[in-house]
Full PDB file with SEQRES, HELIX, SHEET, SSBOND, CRYST1, ORIGX, SCALE, CONECT and MASTER records, all heavy atoms in Angstrom:
SEQRES   1 A   41  LEU GLY GLY ILE ARG ALA SER ALA GLN LEU ILE SER TYR          
SEQRES   2 A   41  GLU LEU ALA MET ALA LEU ALA VAL LEU ALA VAL LEU ILE          
SEQRES   3 A   41  PRO VAL GLY SER PHE HIS LEU GLY ARG VAL VAL ASP TYR          
SEQRES   4 A   41  GLN HIS                                                      
HELIX    1 AA1 GLY A    2  VAL A   28  1                                  27    
HELIX    2 AA2 LEU A   33  TYR A   39  1                                   7    
CRYST1    1.000    1.000    1.000  90.00  90.00  90.00 P 1           1          
ORIGX1      1.000000  0.000000  0.000000        0.00000                         
ORIGX2      0.000000  1.000000  0.000000        0.00000                         
ORIGX3      0.000000  0.000000  1.000000        0.00000                         
SCALE1      1.000000  0.000000  0.000000        0.00000                         
SCALE2      0.000000  1.000000  0.000000        0.00000                         
SCALE3      0.000000  0.000000  1.000000        0.00000                         
ATOM      1  N   LEU A   1      86.262  55.131  93.723  1.00  0.00           N  
ATOM      2  CA  LEU A   1      87.136  55.854  92.804  1.00  0.00           C  
ATOM      3  C   LEU A   1      86.988  57.334  92.904  1.00  0.00           C  
ATOM      4  O   LEU A   1      87.975  58.109  92.793  1.00  0.00           O  
ATOM      5  CB  LEU A   1      86.718  55.427  91.366  1.00  0.00           C  
ATOM      6  CG  LEU A   1      87.234  54.004  90.956  1.00  0.00           C  
ATOM      7  CD1 LEU A   1      86.696  53.611  89.545  1.00  0.00           C  
ATOM      8  CD2 LEU A   1      88.762  53.952  90.900  1.00  0.00           C  
ATOM      9  N   GLY A   2      85.759  57.809  93.126  1.00  0.00           N  
ATOM     10  CA  GLY A   2      85.515  59.292  93.343  1.00  0.00           C  
ATOM     11  C   GLY A   2      86.279  59.785  94.551  1.00  0.00           C  
ATOM     12  O   GLY A   2      86.886  60.807  94.518  1.00  0.00           O  
ATOM     13  N   GLY A   3      86.237  58.997  95.625  1.00  0.00           N  
ATOM     14  CA  GLY A   3      86.954  59.407  96.870  1.00  0.00           C  
ATOM     15  C   GLY A   3      88.482  59.416  96.689  1.00  0.00           C  
ATOM     16  O   GLY A   3      89.143  60.315  97.172  1.00  0.00           O  
ATOM     17  N   ILE A   4      89.017  58.425  95.959  1.00  0.00           N  
ATOM     18  CA  ILE A   4      90.435  58.402  95.670  1.00  0.00           C  
ATOM     19  C   ILE A   4      90.846  59.602  94.829  1.00  0.00           C  
ATOM     20  O   ILE A   4      91.877  60.278  95.072  1.00  0.00           O  
ATOM     21  CB  ILE A   4      90.809  57.068  95.003  1.00  0.00           C  
ATOM     22  CG1 ILE A   4      90.586  55.912  95.972  1.00  0.00           C  
ATOM     23  CG2 ILE A   4      92.252  57.129  94.518  1.00  0.00           C  
ATOM     24  CD1 ILE A   4      90.761  54.548  95.284  1.00  0.00           C  
ATOM     25  N   ARG A   5      90.058  59.902  93.836  1.00  0.00           N  
ATOM     26  CA  ARG A   5      90.312  61.066  92.996  1.00  0.00           C  
ATOM     27  C   ARG A   5      90.324  62.350  93.795  1.00  0.00           C  
ATOM     28  O   ARG A   5      91.163  63.209  93.582  1.00  0.00           O  
ATOM     29  CB  ARG A   5      89.253  61.158  91.916  1.00  0.00           C  
ATOM     30  CG  ARG A   5      89.445  60.187  90.736  1.00  0.00           C  
ATOM     31  CD  ARG A   5      88.389  60.474  89.700  1.00  0.00           C  
ATOM     32  NE  ARG A   5      88.594  59.651  88.464  1.00  0.00           N  
ATOM     33  CZ  ARG A   5      87.881  59.797  87.344  1.00  0.00           C  
ATOM     34  NH1 ARG A   5      86.925  60.769  87.303  1.00  0.00           N  
ATOM     35  NH2 ARG A   5      88.087  59.000  86.338  1.00  0.00           N  
ATOM     36  N   ALA A   6      89.344  62.491  94.723  1.00  0.00           N  
ATOM     37  CA  ALA A   6      89.244  63.664  95.572  1.00  0.00           C  
ATOM     38  C   ALA A   6      90.485  63.896  96.378  1.00  0.00           C  
ATOM     39  O   ALA A   6      91.001  64.985  96.479  1.00  0.00           O  
ATOM     40  CB  ALA A   6      88.000  63.591  96.417  1.00  0.00           C  
ATOM     41  N   SER A   7      90.970  62.799  96.980  1.00  0.00           N  
ATOM     42  CA  SER A   7      92.137  62.912  97.846  1.00  0.00           C  
ATOM     43  C   SER A   7      93.375  63.332  97.037  1.00  0.00           C  
ATOM     44  O   SER A   7      94.132  64.224  97.432  1.00  0.00           O  
ATOM     45  CB  SER A   7      92.470  61.570  98.564  1.00  0.00           C  
ATOM     46  OG  SER A   7      92.699  60.567  97.627  1.00  0.00           O  
ATOM     47  N   ALA A   8      93.621  62.739  95.871  1.00  0.00           N  
ATOM     48  CA  ALA A   8      94.796  63.102  95.070  1.00  0.00           C  
ATOM     49  C   ALA A   8      94.639  64.497  94.538  1.00  0.00           C  
ATOM     50  O   ALA A   8      95.615  65.271  94.557  1.00  0.00           O  
ATOM     51  CB  ALA A   8      94.899  62.131  93.910  1.00  0.00           C  
ATOM     52  N   GLN A   9      93.433  64.893  94.161  1.00  0.00           N  
ATOM     53  CA  GLN A   9      93.215  66.221  93.574  1.00  0.00           C  
ATOM     54  C   GLN A   9      93.443  67.332  94.597  1.00  0.00           C  
ATOM     55  O   GLN A   9      94.140  68.328  94.371  1.00  0.00           O  
ATOM     56  CB  GLN A   9      91.788  66.303  93.054  1.00  0.00           C  
ATOM     57  CG  GLN A   9      91.374  67.676  92.528  1.00  0.00           C  
ATOM     58  CD  GLN A   9      89.979  67.623  91.900  1.00  0.00           C  
ATOM     59  OE1 GLN A   9      89.670  66.634  91.211  1.00  0.00           O  
ATOM     60  NE2 GLN A   9      89.153  68.588  92.160  1.00  0.00           N  
ATOM     61  N   LEU A  10      92.851  67.183  95.818  1.00  0.00           N  
ATOM     62  CA  LEU A  10      92.975  68.247  96.790  1.00  0.00           C  
ATOM     63  C   LEU A  10      94.380  68.365  97.373  1.00  0.00           C  
ATOM     64  O   LEU A  10      94.851  69.470  97.577  1.00  0.00           O  
ATOM     65  CB  LEU A  10      91.962  67.957  97.898  1.00  0.00           C  
ATOM     66  CG  LEU A  10      90.600  68.668  97.727  1.00  0.00           C  
ATOM     67  CD1 LEU A  10      89.822  68.021  96.543  1.00  0.00           C  
ATOM     68  CD2 LEU A  10      89.709  68.575  98.996  1.00  0.00           C  
ATOM     69  N   ILE A  11      95.085  67.233  97.518  1.00  0.00           N  
ATOM     70  CA  ILE A  11      96.447  67.359  97.957  1.00  0.00           C  
ATOM     71  C   ILE A  11      97.292  68.030  96.949  1.00  0.00           C  
ATOM     72  O   ILE A  11      98.112  68.912  97.297  1.00  0.00           O  
ATOM     73  CB  ILE A  11      97.069  65.918  98.289  1.00  0.00           C  
ATOM     74  CG1 ILE A  11      96.336  65.325  99.481  1.00  0.00           C  
ATOM     75  CG2 ILE A  11      98.550  65.919  98.483  1.00  0.00           C  
ATOM     76  CD1 ILE A  11      96.630  63.912  99.703  1.00  0.00           C  
ATOM     77  N   SER A  12      97.149  67.755  95.692  1.00  0.00           N  
ATOM     78  CA  SER A  12      97.922  68.368  94.609  1.00  0.00           C  
ATOM     79  C   SER A  12      97.708  69.858  94.549  1.00  0.00           C  
ATOM     80  O   SER A  12      98.677  70.657  94.420  1.00  0.00           O  
ATOM     81  CB  SER A  12      97.584  67.730  93.319  1.00  0.00           C  
ATOM     82  OG  SER A  12      97.811  66.293  93.350  1.00  0.00           O  
ATOM     83  N   TYR A  13      96.492  70.302  94.599  1.00  0.00           N  
ATOM     84  CA  TYR A  13      96.195  71.684  94.394  1.00  0.00           C  
ATOM     85  C   TYR A  13      96.344  72.538  95.688  1.00  0.00           C  
ATOM     86  O   TYR A  13      96.492  73.765  95.613  1.00  0.00           O  
ATOM     87  CB  TYR A  13      94.802  71.865  93.812  1.00  0.00           C  
ATOM     88  CG  TYR A  13      94.817  71.584  92.343  1.00  0.00           C  
ATOM     89  CD1 TYR A  13      94.729  70.322  91.885  1.00  0.00           C  
ATOM     90  CD2 TYR A  13      94.934  72.618  91.376  1.00  0.00           C  
ATOM     91  CE1 TYR A  13      94.783  69.992  90.472  1.00  0.00           C  
ATOM     92  CE2 TYR A  13      94.931  72.352  90.037  1.00  0.00           C  
ATOM     93  CZ  TYR A  13      94.869  71.060  89.598  1.00  0.00           C  
ATOM     94  OH  TYR A  13      94.860  70.771  88.231  1.00  0.00           O  
ATOM     95  N   GLU A  14      96.260  71.895  96.878  1.00  0.00           N  
ATOM     96  CA  GLU A  14      96.464  72.637  98.071  1.00  0.00           C  
ATOM     97  C   GLU A  14      97.943  73.216  98.163  1.00  0.00           C  
ATOM     98  O   GLU A  14      98.123  74.250  98.783  1.00  0.00           O  
ATOM     99  CB  GLU A  14      96.190  71.732  99.310  1.00  0.00           C  
ATOM    100  CG  GLU A  14      94.728  71.763  99.737  1.00  0.00           C  
ATOM    101  CD  GLU A  14      94.487  70.906 100.954  1.00  0.00           C  
ATOM    102  OE1 GLU A  14      95.458  70.274 101.418  1.00  0.00           O  
ATOM    103  OE2 GLU A  14      93.330  70.896 101.460  1.00  0.00           O  
ATOM    104  N   LEU A  15      98.885  72.448  97.634  1.00  0.00           N  
ATOM    105  CA  LEU A  15     100.264  72.925  97.682  1.00  0.00           C  
ATOM    106  C   LEU A  15     100.398  74.251  96.939  1.00  0.00           C  
ATOM    107  O   LEU A  15     101.021  75.183  97.433  1.00  0.00           O  
ATOM    108  CB  LEU A  15     101.156  71.829  97.124  1.00  0.00           C  
ATOM    109  CG  LEU A  15     101.238  70.528  97.912  1.00  0.00           C  
ATOM    110  CD1 LEU A  15     102.086  69.505  97.186  1.00  0.00           C  
ATOM    111  CD2 LEU A  15     101.863  70.809  99.286  1.00  0.00           C  
ATOM    112  N   ALA A  16      99.894  74.275  95.719  1.00  0.00           N  
ATOM    113  CA  ALA A  16      99.978  75.518  94.894  1.00  0.00           C  
ATOM    114  C   ALA A  16      99.199  76.636  95.580  1.00  0.00           C  
ATOM    115  O   ALA A  16      99.675  77.783  95.618  1.00  0.00           O  
ATOM    116  CB  ALA A  16      99.438  75.272  93.519  1.00  0.00           C  
ATOM    117  N   MET A  17      98.030  76.334  96.163  1.00  0.00           N  
ATOM    118  CA  MET A  17      97.246  77.381  96.832  1.00  0.00           C  
ATOM    119  C   MET A  17      98.064  77.872  98.068  1.00  0.00           C  
ATOM    120  O   MET A  17      98.118  79.133  98.262  1.00  0.00           O  
ATOM    121  CB  MET A  17      95.942  76.836  97.262  1.00  0.00           C  
ATOM    122  CG  MET A  17      95.108  77.806  98.093  1.00  0.00           C  
ATOM    123  SD  MET A  17      93.488  77.156  98.598  1.00  0.00           S  
ATOM    124  CE  MET A  17      92.594  77.305  97.082  1.00  0.00           C  
ATOM    125  N   ALA A  18      98.634  77.017  98.799  1.00  0.00           N  
ATOM    126  CA  ALA A  18      99.351  77.440 100.043  1.00  0.00           C  
ATOM    127  C   ALA A  18     100.535  78.336  99.630  1.00  0.00           C  
ATOM    128  O   ALA A  18     100.839  79.361 100.337  1.00  0.00           O  
ATOM    129  CB  ALA A  18      99.895  76.250 100.778  1.00  0.00           C  
ATOM    130  N   LEU A  19     101.244  78.009  98.571  1.00  0.00           N  
ATOM    131  CA  LEU A  19     102.369  78.894  98.104  1.00  0.00           C  
ATOM    132  C   LEU A  19     101.893  80.276  97.662  1.00  0.00           C  
ATOM    133  O   LEU A  19     102.493  81.301  97.902  1.00  0.00           O  
ATOM    134  CB  LEU A  19     103.108  78.201  96.997  1.00  0.00           C  
ATOM    135  CG  LEU A  19     103.959  76.935  97.377  1.00  0.00           C  
ATOM    136  CD1 LEU A  19     104.547  76.299  96.130  1.00  0.00           C  
ATOM    137  CD2 LEU A  19     105.003  77.354  98.413  1.00  0.00           C  
ATOM    138  N   ALA A  20     100.747  80.323  96.961  1.00  0.00           N  
ATOM    139  CA  ALA A  20     100.132  81.585  96.547  1.00  0.00           C  
ATOM    140  C   ALA A  20      99.742  82.422  97.797  1.00  0.00           C  
ATOM    141  O   ALA A  20      99.979  83.609  97.784  1.00  0.00           O  
ATOM    142  CB  ALA A  20      98.957  81.323  95.679  1.00  0.00           C  
ATOM    143  N   VAL A  21      99.140  81.779  98.766  1.00  0.00           N  
ATOM    144  CA  VAL A  21      98.772  82.541 100.010  1.00  0.00           C  
ATOM    145  C   VAL A  21      99.999  82.975 100.744  1.00  0.00           C  
ATOM    146  O   VAL A  21     100.006  84.122 101.275  1.00  0.00           O  
ATOM    147  CB  VAL A  21      97.929  81.640 100.889  1.00  0.00           C  
ATOM    148  CG1 VAL A  21      97.614  82.268 102.273  1.00  0.00           C  
ATOM    149  CG2 VAL A  21      96.584  81.302 100.171  1.00  0.00           C  
ATOM    150  N   LEU A  22     101.018  82.149 100.815  1.00  0.00           N  
ATOM    151  CA  LEU A  22     102.220  82.530 101.531  1.00  0.00           C  
ATOM    152  C   LEU A  22     102.898  83.772 100.866  1.00  0.00           C  
ATOM    153  O   LEU A  22     103.404  84.646 101.565  1.00  0.00           O  
ATOM    154  CB  LEU A  22     103.257  81.405 101.463  1.00  0.00           C  
ATOM    155  CG  LEU A  22     104.557  81.600 102.186  1.00  0.00           C  
ATOM    156  CD1 LEU A  22     104.303  81.897 103.634  1.00  0.00           C  
ATOM    157  CD2 LEU A  22     105.511  80.356 102.055  1.00  0.00           C  
ATOM    158  N   ALA A  23     102.815  83.874  99.570  1.00  0.00           N  
ATOM    159  CA  ALA A  23     103.351  85.044  98.871  1.00  0.00           C  
ATOM    160  C   ALA A  23     102.612  86.346  99.274  1.00  0.00           C  
ATOM    161  O   ALA A  23     103.250  87.406  99.374  1.00  0.00           O  
ATOM    162  CB  ALA A  23     103.304  84.847  97.355  1.00  0.00           C  
ATOM    163  N   VAL A  24     101.306  86.197  99.541  1.00  0.00           N  
ATOM    164  CA  VAL A  24     100.573  87.389 100.005  1.00  0.00           C  
ATOM    165  C   VAL A  24     101.004  87.833 101.396  1.00  0.00           C  
ATOM    166  O   VAL A  24     101.086  88.989 101.709  1.00  0.00           O  
ATOM    167  CB  VAL A  24      99.038  87.031  99.969  1.00  0.00           C  
ATOM    168  CG1 VAL A  24      98.232  88.149 100.695  1.00  0.00           C  
ATOM    169  CG2 VAL A  24      98.548  86.875  98.607  1.00  0.00           C  
ATOM    170  N   LEU A  25     101.360  86.838 102.227  1.00  0.00           N  
ATOM    171  CA  LEU A  25     101.674  87.137 103.633  1.00  0.00           C  
ATOM    172  C   LEU A  25     103.057  87.679 103.806  1.00  0.00           C  
ATOM    173  O   LEU A  25     103.303  88.338 104.791  1.00  0.00           O  
ATOM    174  CB  LEU A  25     101.502  85.840 104.456  1.00  0.00           C  
ATOM    175  CG  LEU A  25     100.147  85.173 104.448  1.00  0.00           C  
ATOM    176  CD1 LEU A  25     100.132  83.875 105.258  1.00  0.00           C  
ATOM    177  CD2 LEU A  25      99.063  86.121 104.937  1.00  0.00           C  
ATOM    178  N   ILE A  26     103.964  87.408 102.877  1.00  0.00           N  
ATOM    179  CA  ILE A  26     105.373  87.837 103.068  1.00  0.00           C  
ATOM    180  C   ILE A  26     105.489  89.343 103.219  1.00  0.00           C  
ATOM    181  O   ILE A  26     106.108  89.810 104.161  1.00  0.00           O  
ATOM    182  CB  ILE A  26     106.239  87.300 101.854  1.00  0.00           C  
ATOM    183  CG1 ILE A  26     106.456  85.808 102.004  1.00  0.00           C  
ATOM    184  CG2 ILE A  26     107.561  88.052 101.851  1.00  0.00           C  
ATOM    185  CD1 ILE A  26     107.203  85.196 100.856  1.00  0.00           C  
ATOM    186  N   PRO A  27     104.960  90.213 102.327  1.00  0.00           N  
ATOM    187  CA  PRO A  27     105.071  91.638 102.518  1.00  0.00           C  
ATOM    188  C   PRO A  27     104.279  92.166 103.706  1.00  0.00           C  
ATOM    189  O   PRO A  27     104.626  93.160 104.304  1.00  0.00           O  
ATOM    190  CB  PRO A  27     104.551  92.219 101.207  1.00  0.00           C  
ATOM    191  CG  PRO A  27     103.745  91.182 100.596  1.00  0.00           C  
ATOM    192  CD  PRO A  27     104.311  89.887 100.999  1.00  0.00           C  
ATOM    193  N   VAL A  28     103.188  91.452 104.075  1.00  0.00           N  
ATOM    194  CA  VAL A  28     102.380  91.869 105.232  1.00  0.00           C  
ATOM    195  C   VAL A  28     103.149  91.600 106.496  1.00  0.00           C  
ATOM    196  O   VAL A  28     103.025  92.363 107.454  1.00  0.00           O  
ATOM    197  CB  VAL A  28     101.030  91.100 105.229  1.00  0.00           C  
ATOM    198  CG1 VAL A  28     100.183  91.538 106.402  1.00  0.00           C  
ATOM    199  CG2 VAL A  28     100.270  91.448 103.974  1.00  0.00           C  
ATOM    200  N   GLY A  29     103.838  90.454 106.606  1.00  0.00           N  
ATOM    201  CA  GLY A  29     104.553  90.079 107.781  1.00  0.00           C  
ATOM    202  C   GLY A  29     103.706  89.542 108.883  1.00  0.00           C  
ATOM    203  O   GLY A  29     104.066  89.591 110.062  1.00  0.00           O  
ATOM    204  N   SER A  30     102.514  89.011 108.497  1.00  0.00           N  
ATOM    205  CA  SER A  30     101.599  88.498 109.532  1.00  0.00           C  
ATOM    206  C   SER A  30     100.662  87.452 108.913  1.00  0.00           C  
ATOM    207  O   SER A  30     100.403  87.560 107.702  1.00  0.00           O  
ATOM    208  CB  SER A  30     100.820  89.619 110.180  1.00  0.00           C  
ATOM    209  OG  SER A  30      99.803  89.113 111.038  1.00  0.00           O  
ATOM    210  N   PHE A  31     100.240  86.522 109.748  1.00  0.00           N  
ATOM    211  CA  PHE A  31      99.206  85.517 109.298  1.00  0.00           C  
ATOM    212  C   PHE A  31      97.822  86.034 109.664  1.00  0.00           C  
ATOM    213  O   PHE A  31      96.845  85.336 109.411  1.00  0.00           O  
ATOM    214  CB  PHE A  31      99.477  84.244 110.057  1.00  0.00           C  
ATOM    215  CG  PHE A  31     100.665  83.501 109.604  1.00  0.00           C  
ATOM    216  CD1 PHE A  31     101.828  83.450 110.357  1.00  0.00           C  
ATOM    217  CD2 PHE A  31     100.672  82.797 108.377  1.00  0.00           C  
ATOM    218  CE1 PHE A  31     102.946  82.814 109.992  1.00  0.00           C  
ATOM    219  CE2 PHE A  31     101.848  82.122 107.956  1.00  0.00           C  
ATOM    220  CZ  PHE A  31     102.954  82.120 108.742  1.00  0.00           C  
ATOM    221  N   HIS A  32      97.715  87.228 110.178  1.00  0.00           N  
ATOM    222  CA  HIS A  32      96.372  87.811 110.633  1.00  0.00           C  
ATOM    223  C   HIS A  32      95.672  88.352 109.398  1.00  0.00           C  
ATOM    224  O   HIS A  32      96.216  89.267 108.700  1.00  0.00           O  
ATOM    225  CB  HIS A  32      96.621  88.862 111.673  1.00  0.00           C  
ATOM    226  CG  HIS A  32      95.413  89.270 112.435  1.00  0.00           C  
ATOM    227  ND1 HIS A  32      94.470  90.065 111.886  1.00  0.00           N  
ATOM    228  CD2 HIS A  32      94.936  88.931 113.622  1.00  0.00           C  
ATOM    229  CE1 HIS A  32      93.429  90.235 112.751  1.00  0.00           C  
ATOM    230  NE2 HIS A  32      93.752  89.593 113.839  1.00  0.00           N  
ATOM    231  N   LEU A  33      94.443  87.938 109.121  1.00  0.00           N  
ATOM    232  CA  LEU A  33      93.736  88.409 107.926  1.00  0.00           C  
ATOM    233  C   LEU A  33      93.359  89.875 108.028  1.00  0.00           C  
ATOM    234  O   LEU A  33      93.298  90.547 107.009  1.00  0.00           O  
ATOM    235  CB  LEU A  33      92.476  87.598 107.709  1.00  0.00           C  
ATOM    236  CG  LEU A  33      92.761  86.145 107.043  1.00  0.00           C  
ATOM    237  CD1 LEU A  33      91.517  85.355 107.109  1.00  0.00           C  
ATOM    238  CD2 LEU A  33      93.231  86.353 105.619  1.00  0.00           C  
ATOM    239  N   GLY A  34      93.189  90.345 109.239  1.00  0.00           N  
ATOM    240  CA  GLY A  34      92.919  91.779 109.415  1.00  0.00           C  
ATOM    241  C   GLY A  34      94.093  92.630 108.975  1.00  0.00           C  
ATOM    242  O   GLY A  34      93.897  93.743 108.370  1.00  0.00           O  
ATOM    243  N   ARG A  35      95.321  92.172 109.229  1.00  0.00           N  
ATOM    244  CA  ARG A  35      96.518  92.869 108.783  1.00  0.00           C  
ATOM    245  C   ARG A  35      96.645  92.881 107.283  1.00  0.00           C  
ATOM    246  O   ARG A  35      97.097  93.800 106.676  1.00  0.00           O  
ATOM    247  CB  ARG A  35      97.768  92.295 109.438  1.00  0.00           C  
ATOM    248  CG  ARG A  35      97.760  92.105 110.937  1.00  0.00           C  
ATOM    249  CD  ARG A  35      97.730  93.412 111.701  1.00  0.00           C  
ATOM    250  NE  ARG A  35      97.597  93.173 113.101  1.00  0.00           N  
ATOM    251  CZ  ARG A  35      96.495  93.141 113.780  1.00  0.00           C  
ATOM    252  NH1 ARG A  35      95.307  93.335 113.155  1.00  0.00           N  
ATOM    253  NH2 ARG A  35      96.455  92.935 115.077  1.00  0.00           N  
ATOM    254  N   VAL A  36      96.183  91.725 106.670  1.00  0.00           N  
ATOM    255  CA  VAL A  36      96.203  91.655 105.222  1.00  0.00           C  
ATOM    256  C   VAL A  36      95.343  92.710 104.625  1.00  0.00           C  
ATOM    257  O   VAL A  36      95.686  93.387 103.611  1.00  0.00           O  
ATOM    258  CB  VAL A  36      95.830  90.274 104.784  1.00  0.00           C  
ATOM    259  CG1 VAL A  36      95.700  90.160 103.266  1.00  0.00           C  
ATOM    260  CG2 VAL A  36      96.816  89.252 105.291  1.00  0.00           C  
ATOM    261  N   VAL A  37      94.136  92.939 105.154  1.00  0.00           N  
ATOM    262  CA  VAL A  37      93.198  93.943 104.684  1.00  0.00           C  
ATOM    263  C   VAL A  37      93.825  95.331 104.873  1.00  0.00           C  
ATOM    264  O   VAL A  37      93.776  96.178 103.946  1.00  0.00           O  
ATOM    265  CB  VAL A  37      91.889  93.794 105.409  1.00  0.00           C  
ATOM    266  CG1 VAL A  37      90.958  94.947 104.966  1.00  0.00           C  
ATOM    267  CG2 VAL A  37      91.201  92.521 105.068  1.00  0.00           C  
ATOM    268  N   ASP A  38      94.387  95.547 106.042  1.00  0.00           N  
ATOM    269  CA  ASP A  38      94.983  96.884 106.325  1.00  0.00           C  
ATOM    270  C   ASP A  38      96.111  97.192 105.359  1.00  0.00           C  
ATOM    271  O   ASP A  38      96.306  98.357 104.937  1.00  0.00           O  
ATOM    272  CB  ASP A  38      95.577  96.914 107.743  1.00  0.00           C  
ATOM    273  CG  ASP A  38      94.406  96.824 108.796  1.00  0.00           C  
ATOM    274  OD1 ASP A  38      93.259  97.189 108.397  1.00  0.00           O  
ATOM    275  OD2 ASP A  38      94.726  96.411 109.917  1.00  0.00           O  
ATOM    276  N   TYR A  39      96.893  96.168 104.955  1.00  0.00           N  
ATOM    277  CA  TYR A  39      97.994  96.347 104.051  1.00  0.00           C  
ATOM    278  C   TYR A  39      97.515  96.841 102.652  1.00  0.00           C  
ATOM    279  O   TYR A  39      98.288  97.507 101.940  1.00  0.00           O  
ATOM    280  CB  TYR A  39      98.757  95.051 103.936  1.00  0.00           C  
ATOM    281  CG  TYR A  39      99.918  95.121 103.002  1.00  0.00           C  
ATOM    282  CD1 TYR A  39     101.143  95.633 103.344  1.00  0.00           C  
ATOM    283  CD2 TYR A  39      99.814  94.581 101.685  1.00  0.00           C  
ATOM    284  CE1 TYR A  39     102.208  95.661 102.470  1.00  0.00           C  
ATOM    285  CE2 TYR A  39     100.878  94.605 100.785  1.00  0.00           C  
ATOM    286  CZ  TYR A  39     102.059  95.100 101.196  1.00  0.00           C  
ATOM    287  OH  TYR A  39     103.110  95.191 100.265  1.00  0.00           O  
ATOM    288  N   GLN A  40      96.316  96.478 102.268  1.00  0.00           N  
ATOM    289  CA  GLN A  40      95.797  96.736 100.927  1.00  0.00           C  
ATOM    290  C   GLN A  40      95.054  98.087 100.829  1.00  0.00           C  
ATOM    291  O   GLN A  40      94.388  98.323  99.793  1.00  0.00           O  
ATOM    292  CB  GLN A  40      94.879  95.660 100.474  1.00  0.00           C  
ATOM    293  CG  GLN A  40      95.591  94.293 100.408  1.00  0.00           C  
ATOM    294  CD  GLN A  40      94.631  93.196  99.964  1.00  0.00           C  
ATOM    295  OE1 GLN A  40      94.309  93.055  98.810  1.00  0.00           O  
ATOM    296  NE2 GLN A  40      94.225  92.419 100.952  1.00  0.00           N  
ATOM    297  N   HIS A  41      95.084  98.933 101.886  1.00  0.00           N  
ATOM    298  CA  HIS A  41      94.311 100.169 101.752  1.00  0.00           C  
ATOM    299  C   HIS A  41      94.870 101.091 100.626  1.00  0.00           C  
ATOM    300  O   HIS A  41      94.061 101.827 100.042  1.00  0.00           O  
ATOM    301  CB  HIS A  41      94.404 100.924 103.050  1.00  0.00           C  
ATOM    302  CG  HIS A  41      93.438 100.448 104.122  1.00  0.00           C  
ATOM    303  ND1 HIS A  41      92.328  99.734 103.773  1.00  0.00           N  
ATOM    304  CD2 HIS A  41      93.407 100.549 105.478  1.00  0.00           C  
ATOM    305  CE1 HIS A  41      91.647  99.414 104.883  1.00  0.00           C  
ATOM    306  NE2 HIS A  41      92.338  99.930 105.912  1.00  0.00           N  
TER     307      HIS A  41                                                      
MASTER        0    0    0    2    0    0    0    6  306    1    0    4          
END                                                                             
């Protein structure tokens, strides 16, 4: 039961997390984390 809960929980919340991360990358224009840091200077 714990394993089943874990799979449902992580799949559900990974979608929201991925959308939040994607929003950060849009103005940067890159998937490179170094460029994300440079953008925030």
